[in-house]
PDB file of all heavy atoms in Angstrom:
ATOM      1  N   LYS A   1     115.473  88.768  86.187  1.00  0.00           N
ATOM      2  CA  LYS A   1     116.871  88.983  86.070  1.00  0.00           C
ATOM      3  C   LYS A   1     117.610  88.861  87.484  1.00  0.00           C
ATOM      4  O   LYS A   1     116.816  89.093  88.489  1.00  0.00           O
ATOM      5  CB  LYS A   1     117.195  90.345  85.641  1.00  0.00           C
ATOM      6  CG  LYS A   1     116.487  90.618  84.191  1.00  0.00           C
ATOM      7  CD  LYS A   1     116.772  91.993  83.831  1.00  0.00           C
ATOM      8  CE  LYS A   1     116.121  92.324  82.456  1.00  0.00           C
ATOM      9  NZ  LYS A   1     116.309  93.759  82.136  1.00  0.00           N
ATOM     10  N   PRO A   2     118.802  88.636  87.688  1.00  0.00           N
ATOM     11  CA  PRO A   2     119.426  88.543  88.988  1.00  0.00           C
ATOM     12  C   PRO A   2     119.204  89.897  89.798  1.00  0.00           C
ATOM     13  O   PRO A   2     119.026  89.943  91.039  1.00  0.00           O
ATOM     14  CB  PRO A   2     120.930  88.306  88.656  1.00  0.00           C
ATOM     15  CG  PRO A   2     120.846  87.602  87.416  1.00  0.00           C
ATOM     16  CD  PRO A   2     119.656  88.075  86.670  1.00  0.00           C
ATOM     17  N   GLU A   3     119.227  91.071  89.105  1.00  0.00           N
ATOM     18  CA  GLU A   3     118.988  92.353  89.816  1.00  0.00           C
ATOM     19  C   GLU A   3     117.517  92.494  90.284  1.00  0.00           C
ATOM     20  O   GLU A   3     117.215  93.473  91.006  1.00  0.00           O
ATOM     21  CB  GLU A   3     119.318  93.492  88.832  1.00  0.00           C
ATOM     22  CG  GLU A   3     118.710  93.381  87.467  1.00  0.00           C
ATOM     23  CD  GLU A   3     119.656  92.786  86.466  1.00  0.00           C
ATOM     24  OE1 GLU A   3     120.303  91.779  86.786  1.00  0.00           O
ATOM     25  OE2 GLU A   3     119.678  93.420  85.268  1.00  0.00           O
ATOM     26  N   ASP A   4     116.716  91.583  89.974  1.00  0.00           N
ATOM     27  CA  ASP A   4     115.328  91.599  90.579  1.00  0.00           C
ATOM     28  C   ASP A   4     115.294  90.931  91.917  1.00  0.00           C
ATOM     29  O   ASP A   4     114.257  90.945  92.635  1.00  0.00           O
ATOM     30  CB  ASP A   4     114.224  90.880  89.694  1.00  0.00           C
ATOM     31  CG  ASP A   4     114.074  91.515  88.339  1.00  0.00           C
ATOM     32  OD1 ASP A   4     114.005  92.713  88.352  1.00  0.00           O
ATOM     33  OD2 ASP A   4     113.980  90.873  87.325  1.00  0.00           O
ATOM     34  N   THR A   5     116.379  90.417  92.346  1.00  0.00           N
ATOM     35  CA  THR A   5     116.499  89.668  93.638  1.00  0.00           C
ATOM     36  C   THR A   5     116.211  90.737  94.807  1.00  0.00           C
ATOM     37  O   THR A   5     116.917  91.793  94.885  1.00  0.00           O
ATOM     38  CB  THR A   5     117.877  89.037  93.836  1.00  0.00           C
ATOM     39  OG1 THR A   5     118.082  87.998  92.909  1.00  0.00           O
ATOM     40  CG2 THR A   5     117.982  88.540  95.311  1.00  0.00           C
ATOM     41  N   ALA A   6     115.297  90.500  95.666  1.00  0.00           N
ATOM     42  CA  ALA A   6     114.886  91.392  96.780  1.00  0.00           C
ATOM     43  C   ALA A   6     113.797  90.816  97.553  1.00  0.00           C
ATOM     44  O   ALA A   6     113.218  89.790  97.195  1.00  0.00           O
ATOM     45  CB  ALA A   6     114.429  92.800  96.092  1.00  0.00           C
ATOM     46  N   THR A   7     113.459  91.489  98.576  1.00  0.00           N
ATOM     47  CA  THR A   7     112.237  91.255  99.430  1.00  0.00           C
ATOM     48  C   THR A   7     111.223  92.119  98.714  1.00  0.00           C
ATOM     49  O   THR A   7     111.397  93.284  98.644  1.00  0.00           O
ATOM     50  CB  THR A   7     112.463  91.437 100.879  1.00  0.00           C
ATOM     51  OG1 THR A   7     113.505  90.661 101.409  1.00  0.00           O
ATOM     52  CG2 THR A   7     111.131  91.155 101.593  1.00  0.00           C
ATOM     53  N   TYR A   8     110.092  91.437  98.393  1.00  0.00           N
ATOM     54  CA  TYR A   8     108.969  92.150  97.736  1.00  0.00           C
ATOM     55  C   TYR A   8     107.885  92.423  98.834  1.00  0.00           C
ATOM     56  O   TYR A   8     107.447  91.465  99.604  1.00  0.00           O
ATOM     57  CB  TYR A   8     108.443  91.402  96.649  1.00  0.00           C
ATOM     58  CG  TYR A   8     109.389  91.525  95.449  1.00  0.00           C
ATOM     59  CD1 TYR A   8     110.625  90.911  95.381  1.00  0.00           C
ATOM     60  CD2 TYR A   8     108.937  92.275  94.348  1.00  0.00           C
ATOM     61  CE1 TYR A   8     111.400  91.058  94.327  1.00  0.00           C
ATOM     62  CE2 TYR A   8     109.725  92.438  93.266  1.00  0.00           C
ATOM     63  CZ  TYR A   8     111.050  91.781  93.226  1.00  0.00           C
ATOM     64  OH  TYR A   8     111.817  91.927  92.087  1.00  0.00           O
ATOM     65  N   TYR A   9     107.386  93.682  98.933  1.00  0.00           N
ATOM     66  CA  TYR A   9     106.434  94.050  99.906  1.00  0.00           C
ATOM     67  C   TYR A   9     105.089  94.552  99.134  1.00  0.00           C
ATOM     68  O   TYR A   9     105.244  95.385  98.157  1.00  0.00           O
ATOM     69  CB  TYR A   9     106.913  95.250 100.730  1.00  0.00           C
ATOM     70  CG  TYR A   9     108.040  94.810 101.569  1.00  0.00           C
ATOM     71  CD1 TYR A   9     109.343  94.991 101.161  1.00  0.00           C
ATOM     72  CD2 TYR A   9     107.882  94.358 102.956  1.00  0.00           C
ATOM     73  CE1 TYR A   9     110.401  94.694 101.882  1.00  0.00           C
ATOM     74  CE2 TYR A   9     108.908  93.954 103.711  1.00  0.00           C
ATOM     75  CZ  TYR A   9     110.248  94.167 103.261  1.00  0.00           C
ATOM     76  OH  TYR A   9     111.342  93.772 103.993  1.00  0.00           O
ATOM     77  N   CYS A  10     104.091  94.107  99.606  1.00  0.00           N
ATOM     78  CA  CYS A  10     102.741  94.580  99.136  1.00  0.00           C
ATOM     79  C   CYS A  10     102.298  95.727 100.128  1.00  0.00           C
ATOM     80  O   CYS A  10     102.686  95.623 101.379  1.00  0.00           O
ATOM     81  CB  CYS A  10     101.763  93.398  99.294  1.00  0.00           C
ATOM     82  SG  CYS A  10     100.003  93.728  99.248  1.00  0.00           S
ATOM     83  N   ALA A  11     101.670  96.719  99.672  1.00  0.00           N
ATOM     84  CA  ALA A  11     101.145  97.836 100.329  1.00  0.00           C
ATOM     85  C   ALA A  11      99.731  98.229  99.989  1.00  0.00           C
ATOM     86  O   ALA A  11      99.412  98.087  98.842  1.00  0.00           O
ATOM     87  CB  ALA A  11     102.158  98.999 100.291  1.00  0.00           C
ATOM     88  N   ALA A  12      99.028  98.930 100.923  1.00  0.00           N
ATOM     89  CA  ALA A  12      97.779  99.417 100.613  1.00  0.00           C
ATOM     90  C   ALA A  12      97.646 100.884 101.108  1.00  0.00           C
ATOM     91  O   ALA A  12      98.132 101.236 102.185  1.00  0.00           O
ATOM     92  CB  ALA A  12      96.717  98.567 101.332  1.00  0.00           C
ATOM     93  N   THR A  13      96.880 101.679 100.386  1.00  0.00           N
ATOM     94  CA  THR A  13      96.649 103.008 100.678  1.00  0.00           C
ATOM     95  C   THR A  13      95.231 103.430 100.454  1.00  0.00           C
ATOM     96  O   THR A  13      94.629 103.049  99.517  1.00  0.00           O
ATOM     97  CB  THR A  13      97.585 103.994  99.877  1.00  0.00           C
ATOM     98  OG1 THR A  13      97.314 105.322 100.209  1.00  0.00           O
ATOM     99  CG2 THR A  13      97.355 103.823  98.368  1.00  0.00           C
ATOM    100  N   SER A  14      94.740 104.177 101.506  1.00  0.00           N
ATOM    101  CA  SER A  14      93.310 104.688 101.333  1.00  0.00           C
ATOM    102  C   SER A  14      93.426 106.159 100.785  1.00  0.00           C
ATOM    103  O   SER A  14      92.395 106.797 100.470  1.00  0.00           O
ATOM    104  CB  SER A  14      92.626 104.712 102.644  1.00  0.00           C
ATOM    105  OG  SER A  14      93.188 105.566 103.641  1.00  0.00           O
ATOM    106  N   ARG A  15      94.745 106.650 100.572  1.00  0.00           N
ATOM    107  CA  ARG A  15      94.932 107.985 100.251  1.00  0.00           C
ATOM    108  C   ARG A  15      95.046 108.092  98.653  1.00  0.00           C
ATOM    109  O   ARG A  15      96.050 108.598  98.147  1.00  0.00           O
ATOM    110  CB  ARG A  15      96.091 108.596 100.818  1.00  0.00           C
ATOM    111  CG  ARG A  15      96.062 108.374 102.369  1.00  0.00           C
ATOM    112  CD  ARG A  15      97.439 108.669 102.949  1.00  0.00           C
ATOM    113  NE  ARG A  15      97.433 108.522 104.401  1.00  0.00           N
ATOM    114  CZ  ARG A  15      98.533 108.338 105.073  1.00  0.00           C
ATOM    115  NH1 ARG A  15      99.702 108.367 104.547  1.00  0.00           N
ATOM    116  NH2 ARG A  15      98.466 108.171 106.419  1.00  0.00           N
ATOM    117  N   SER A  16      94.066 107.579  97.953  1.00  0.00           N
ATOM    118  CA  SER A  16      94.174 107.543  96.564  1.00  0.00           C
ATOM    119  C   SER A  16      92.822 107.790  95.830  1.00  0.00           C
ATOM    120  O   SER A  16      91.732 107.465  96.511  1.00  0.00           O
ATOM    121  CB  SER A  16      94.710 106.320  95.896  1.00  0.00           C
ATOM    122  OG  SER A  16      93.904 105.224  96.375  1.00  0.00           O
ATOM    123  N   TYR A  17      92.803 108.430  94.734  1.00  0.00           N
ATOM    124  CA  TYR A  17      91.556 108.517  93.938  1.00  0.00           C
ATOM    125  C   TYR A  17      91.352 107.243  93.228  1.00  0.00           C
ATOM    126  O   TYR A  17      92.135 106.434  93.017  1.00  0.00           O
ATOM    127  CB  TYR A  17      91.619 109.704  92.982  1.00  0.00           C
ATOM    128  CG  TYR A  17      91.803 111.042  93.548  1.00  0.00           C
ATOM    129  CD1 TYR A  17      93.000 111.713  93.690  1.00  0.00           C
ATOM    130  CD2 TYR A  17      90.706 111.677  94.208  1.00  0.00           C
ATOM    131  CE1 TYR A  17      93.118 112.947  94.158  1.00  0.00           C
ATOM    132  CE2 TYR A  17      90.840 112.860  94.868  1.00  0.00           C
ATOM    133  CZ  TYR A  17      91.930 113.591  94.744  1.00  0.00           C
ATOM    134  OH  TYR A  17      92.055 114.744  95.391  1.00  0.00           O
ATOM    135  N   ILE A  18      89.983 107.002  92.870  1.00  0.00           N
ATOM    136  CA  ILE A  18      89.598 105.656  92.403  1.00  0.00           C
ATOM    137  C   ILE A  18      90.358 105.277  91.081  1.00  0.00           C
ATOM    138  O   ILE A  18      90.606 104.081  90.966  1.00  0.00           O
ATOM    139  CB  ILE A  18      88.117 105.710  92.119  1.00  0.00           C
ATOM    140  CG1 ILE A  18      87.649 104.239  91.934  1.00  0.00           C
ATOM    141  CG2 ILE A  18      87.742 106.665  90.999  1.00  0.00           C
ATOM    142  CD1 ILE A  18      86.117 104.072  91.978  1.00  0.00           C
ATOM    143  N   ASN A  19      90.833 106.252  90.317  1.00  0.00           N
ATOM    144  CA  ASN A  19      91.546 105.821  89.079  1.00  0.00           C
ATOM    145  C   ASN A  19      92.956 106.313  89.129  1.00  0.00           C
ATOM    146  O   ASN A  19      93.546 106.534  87.983  1.00  0.00           O
ATOM    147  CB  ASN A  19      90.756 106.445  87.854  1.00  0.00           C
ATOM    148  CG  ASN A  19      89.508 105.618  87.566  1.00  0.00           C
ATOM    149  OD1 ASN A  19      89.519 104.424  87.698  1.00  0.00           O
ATOM    150  ND2 ASN A  19      88.424 106.332  87.286  1.00  0.00           N
ATOM    151  N   SER A  20      93.478 106.490  90.253  1.00  0.00           N
ATOM    152  CA  SER A  20      94.985 106.942  90.322  1.00  0.00           C
ATOM    153  C   SER A  20      95.813 106.025  91.083  1.00  0.00           C
ATOM    154  O   SER A  20      95.656 105.974  92.374  1.00  0.00           O
ATOM    155  CB  SER A  20      94.942 108.334  90.968  1.00  0.00           C
ATOM    156  OG  SER A  20      94.253 109.233  90.196  1.00  0.00           O
ATOM    157  N   PRO A  21      96.634 105.299  90.455  1.00  0.00           N
ATOM    158  CA  PRO A  21      97.691 104.476  91.229  1.00  0.00           C
ATOM    159  C   PRO A  21      98.696 105.373  91.919  1.00  0.00           C
ATOM    160  O   PRO A  21      98.967 106.459  91.429  1.00  0.00           O
ATOM    161  CB  PRO A  21      98.290 103.616  90.086  1.00  0.00           C
ATOM    162  CG  PRO A  21      98.122 104.346  88.864  1.00  0.00           C
ATOM    163  CD  PRO A  21      96.803 105.131  89.037  1.00  0.00           C
ATOM    164  N   VAL A  22      99.244 104.871  92.952  1.00  0.00           N
ATOM    165  CA  VAL A  22     100.145 105.616  93.930  1.00  0.00           C
ATOM    166  C   VAL A  22     101.472 105.010  93.939  1.00  0.00           C
ATOM    167  O   VAL A  22     101.615 103.820  94.160  1.00  0.00           O
ATOM    168  CB  VAL A  22      99.631 105.784  95.239  1.00  0.00           C
ATOM    169  CG1 VAL A  22     100.652 106.479  96.226  1.00  0.00           C
ATOM    170  CG2 VAL A  22      98.257 106.465  95.377  1.00  0.00           C
ATOM    171  N   SER A  23     102.482 105.766  93.499  1.00  0.00           N
ATOM    172  CA  SER A  23     103.880 105.340  93.441  1.00  0.00           C
ATOM    173  C   SER A  23     104.767 105.667  94.564  1.00  0.00           C
ATOM    174  O   SER A  23     105.798 105.100  94.803  1.00  0.00           O
ATOM    175  CB  SER A  23     104.555 105.686  92.154  1.00  0.00           C
ATOM    176  OG  SER A  23     104.691 107.106  92.165  1.00  0.00           O
ATOM    177  N   LEU A  24     104.339 106.683  95.407  1.00  0.00           N
ATOM    178  CA  LEU A  24     105.116 107.184  96.562  1.00  0.00           C
ATOM    179  C   LEU A  24     104.877 106.193  97.684  1.00  0.00           C
ATOM    180  O   LEU A  24     103.798 106.087  98.298  1.00  0.00           O
ATOM    181  CB  LEU A  24     104.760 108.628  96.843  1.00  0.00           C
ATOM    182  CG  LEU A  24     105.018 109.582  95.739  1.00  0.00           C
ATOM    183  CD1 LEU A  24     104.435 110.922  96.135  1.00  0.00           C
ATOM    184  CD2 LEU A  24     106.408 109.666  95.425  1.00  0.00           C
ATOM    185  N   LYS A  25     106.015 105.665  98.251  1.00  0.00           N
ATOM    186  CA  LYS A  25     105.849 104.753  99.351  1.00  0.00           C
ATOM    187  C   LYS A  25     105.334 105.434 100.558  1.00  0.00           C
ATOM    188  O   LYS A  25     104.682 104.714 101.405  1.00  0.00           O
ATOM    189  CB  LYS A  25     107.204 104.014  99.624  1.00  0.00           C
ATOM    190  CG  LYS A  25     108.365 104.891 100.026  1.00  0.00           C
ATOM    191  CD  LYS A  25     109.642 104.140 100.125  1.00  0.00           C
ATOM    192  CE  LYS A  25     110.781 105.047 100.417  1.00  0.00           C
ATOM    193  NZ  LYS A  25     112.124 104.352 100.373  1.00  0.00           N
ATOM    194  N   ASN A  26     105.586 106.687 100.825  1.00  0.00           N
ATOM    195  CA  ASN A  26     105.067 107.383 102.042  1.00  0.00           C
ATOM    196  C   ASN A  26     103.632 107.585 101.994  1.00  0.00           C
ATOM    197  O   ASN A  26     103.015 107.895 103.057  1.00  0.00           O
ATOM    198  CB  ASN A  26     105.800 108.756 102.093  1.00  0.00           C
ATOM    199  CG  ASN A  26     107.274 108.612 102.491  1.00  0.00           C
ATOM    200  OD1 ASN A  26     107.797 107.634 102.802  1.00  0.00           O
ATOM    201  ND2 ASN A  26     108.023 109.656 102.102  1.00  0.00           N
ATOM    202  N   MET A  27     102.931 107.408 100.861  1.00  0.00           N
ATOM    203  CA  MET A  27     101.506 107.472 100.766  1.00  0.00           C
ATOM    204  C   MET A  27     100.787 106.193 101.255  1.00  0.00           C
ATOM    205  O   MET A  27      99.608 106.178 101.454  1.00  0.00           O
ATOM    206  CB  MET A  27     101.047 107.693  99.479  1.00  0.00           C
ATOM    207  CG  MET A  27     101.455 109.124  98.903  1.00  0.00           C
ATOM    208  SD  MET A  27     100.587 110.412  99.784  1.00  0.00           S
ATOM    209  CE  MET A  27      98.959 110.209  98.967  1.00  0.00           C
ATOM    210  N   TYR A  28     101.556 105.085 101.443  1.00  0.00           N
ATOM    211  CA  TYR A  28     101.038 103.826 101.880  1.00  0.00           C
ATOM    212  C   TYR A  28     100.978 103.648 103.384  1.00  0.00           C
ATOM    213  O   TYR A  28     101.933 103.830 104.065  1.00  0.00           O
ATOM    214  CB  TYR A  28     101.733 102.646 101.246  1.00  0.00           C
ATOM    215  CG  TYR A  28     101.465 102.484  99.731  1.00  0.00           C
ATOM    216  CD1 TYR A  28     102.150 103.282  98.826  1.00  0.00           C
ATOM    217  CD2 TYR A  28     100.474 101.660  99.311  1.00  0.00           C
ATOM    218  CE1 TYR A  28     101.929 103.200  97.411  1.00  0.00           C
ATOM    219  CE2 TYR A  28     100.160 101.574  97.976  1.00  0.00           C
ATOM    220  CZ  TYR A  28     100.838 102.287  97.004  1.00  0.00           C
ATOM    221  OH  TYR A  28     100.506 102.217  95.731  1.00  0.00           O
ATOM    222  N   GLU A  29      99.771 103.276 103.862  1.00  0.00           N
ATOM    223  CA  GLU A  29      99.605 103.178 105.323  1.00  0.00           C
ATOM    224  C   GLU A  29      99.876 101.719 105.827  1.00  0.00           C
ATOM    225  O   GLU A  29     100.120 101.538 107.017  1.00  0.00           O
ATOM    226  CB  GLU A  29      98.103 103.575 105.573  1.00  0.00           C
ATOM    227  CG  GLU A  29      97.741 104.968 105.216  1.00  0.00           C
ATOM    228  CD  GLU A  29      96.256 105.025 104.618  1.00  0.00           C
ATOM    229  OE1 GLU A  29      96.137 104.591 103.502  1.00  0.00           O
ATOM    230  OE2 GLU A  29      95.459 105.277 105.501  1.00  0.00           O
ATOM    231  N   TYR A  30      99.602 100.818 104.956  1.00  0.00           N
ATOM    232  CA  TYR A  30      99.689  99.435 105.387  1.00  0.00           C
ATOM    233  C   TYR A  30     100.728  98.546 104.506  1.00  0.00           C
ATOM    234  O   TYR A  30     100.676  98.791 103.287  1.00  0.00           O
ATOM    235  CB  TYR A  30      98.289  98.781 105.374  1.00  0.00           C
ATOM    236  CG  TYR A  30      97.237  99.562 106.223  1.00  0.00           C
ATOM    237  CD1 TYR A  30      96.392 100.357 105.537  1.00  0.00           C
ATOM    238  CD2 TYR A  30      97.196  99.451 107.542  1.00  0.00           C
ATOM    239  CE1 TYR A  30      95.429 101.085 106.280  1.00  0.00           C
ATOM    240  CE2 TYR A  30      96.187 100.149 108.264  1.00  0.00           C
ATOM    241  CZ  TYR A  30      95.377 101.041 107.616  1.00  0.00           C
ATOM    242  OH  TYR A  30      94.456 101.681 108.235  1.00  0.00           O
ATOM    243  N   TRP A  31     101.408  97.734 105.194  1.00  0.00           N
ATOM    244  CA  TRP A  31     102.453  96.902 104.594  1.00  0.00           C
ATOM    245  C   TRP A  31     102.429  95.477 104.970  1.00  0.00           C
ATOM    246  O   TRP A  31     102.021  95.184 106.092  1.00  0.00           O
ATOM    247  CB  TRP A  31     103.830  97.410 104.941  1.00  0.00           C
ATOM    248  CG  TRP A  31     104.004  98.802 104.416  1.00  0.00           C
ATOM    249  CD1 TRP A  31     103.625 100.085 105.010  1.00  0.00           C
ATOM    250  CD2 TRP A  31     104.721  99.123 103.092  1.00  0.00           C
ATOM    251  NE1 TRP A  31     104.093 101.047 104.178  1.00  0.00           N
ATOM    252  CE2 TRP A  31     104.765 100.616 102.971  1.00  0.00           C
ATOM    253  CE3 TRP A  31     105.379  98.462 102.089  1.00  0.00           C
ATOM    254  CZ2 TRP A  31     105.269 101.232 101.880  1.00  0.00           C
ATOM    255  CZ3 TRP A  31     105.861  99.105 101.037  1.00  0.00           C
ATOM    256  CH2 TRP A  31     105.828 100.550 101.015  1.00  0.00           C
ATOM    257  N   GLY A  32     102.682  94.599 103.973  1.00  0.00           N
ATOM    258  CA  GLY A  32     102.853  93.179 104.393  1.00  0.00           C
ATOM    259  C   GLY A  32     104.176  92.976 104.892  1.00  0.00           C
ATOM    260  O   GLY A  32     105.027  93.759 105.176  1.00  0.00           O
ATOM    261  N   GLN A  33     104.452  91.676 105.232  1.00  0.00           N
ATOM    262  CA  GLN A  33     105.656  91.239 105.914  1.00  0.00           C
ATOM    263  C   GLN A  33     106.795  91.044 104.933  1.00  0.00           C
ATOM    264  O   GLN A  33     107.950  91.002 105.408  1.00  0.00           O
ATOM    265  CB  GLN A  33     105.372  90.002 106.697  1.00  0.00           C
ATOM    266  CG  GLN A  33     105.413  88.735 106.023  1.00  0.00           C
ATOM    267  CD  GLN A  33     104.212  88.420 105.135  1.00  0.00           C
ATOM    268  OE1 GLN A  33     103.262  89.223 105.197  1.00  0.00           O
ATOM    269  NE2 GLN A  33     104.195  87.278 104.321  1.00  0.00           N
ATOM    270  N   GLY A  34     106.446  90.900 103.703  1.00  0.00           N
ATOM    271  CA  GLY A  34     107.573  90.759 102.722  1.00  0.00           C
ATOM    272  C   GLY A  34     107.570  89.293 102.281  1.00  0.00           C
ATOM    273  O   GLY A  34     107.399  88.388 103.044  1.00  0.00           O
ATOM    274  N   THR A  35     107.966  89.062 100.986  1.00  0.00           N
ATOM    275  CA  THR A  35     108.279  87.734 100.552  1.00  0.00           C
ATOM    276  C   THR A  35     109.666  87.801  99.656  1.00  0.00           C
ATOM    277  O   THR A  35     109.742  88.767  98.913  1.00  0.00           O
ATOM    278  CB  THR A  35     107.092  87.205  99.676  1.00  0.00           C
ATOM    279  OG1 THR A  35     107.399  85.860  99.323  1.00  0.00           O
ATOM    280  CG2 THR A  35     106.756  87.988  98.481  1.00  0.00           C
ATOM    281  N   GLN A  36     110.505  86.836  99.869  1.00  0.00           N
ATOM    282  CA  GLN A  36     111.769  86.875  99.294  1.00  0.00           C
ATOM    283  C   GLN A  36     111.725  86.355  97.786  1.00  0.00           C
ATOM    284  O   GLN A  36     111.175  85.298  97.605  1.00  0.00           O
ATOM    285  CB  GLN A  36     112.825  86.099 100.019  1.00  0.00           C
ATOM    286  CG  GLN A  36     114.179  86.004  99.516  1.00  0.00           C
ATOM    287  CD  GLN A  36     114.791  87.360  99.486  1.00  0.00           C
ATOM    288  OE1 GLN A  36     114.695  88.186 100.363  1.00  0.00           O
ATOM    289  NE2 GLN A  36     115.625  87.627  98.416  1.00  0.00           N
ATOM    290  N   VAL A  37     112.337  87.064  96.899  1.00  0.00           N
ATOM    291  CA  VAL A  37     112.462  86.632  95.564  1.00  0.00           C
ATOM    292  C   VAL A  37     114.049  86.562  95.261  1.00  0.00           C
ATOM    293  O   VAL A  37     114.637  87.573  95.399  1.00  0.00           O
ATOM    294  CB  VAL A  37     111.681  87.472  94.551  1.00  0.00           C
ATOM    295  CG1 VAL A  37     112.137  87.170  93.133  1.00  0.00           C
ATOM    296  CG2 VAL A  37     110.283  87.386  94.783  1.00  0.00           C
TER     297      VAL A  37
END
């Protein structure tokens, strides 16, 4: 949808349990440079 227009960033966190996805951006330590959609 047009409202999906944004820069999309990939992120990685070591602060997670093996079966728990993390939704809080402050928990992520590493970020990519972003890709425009």
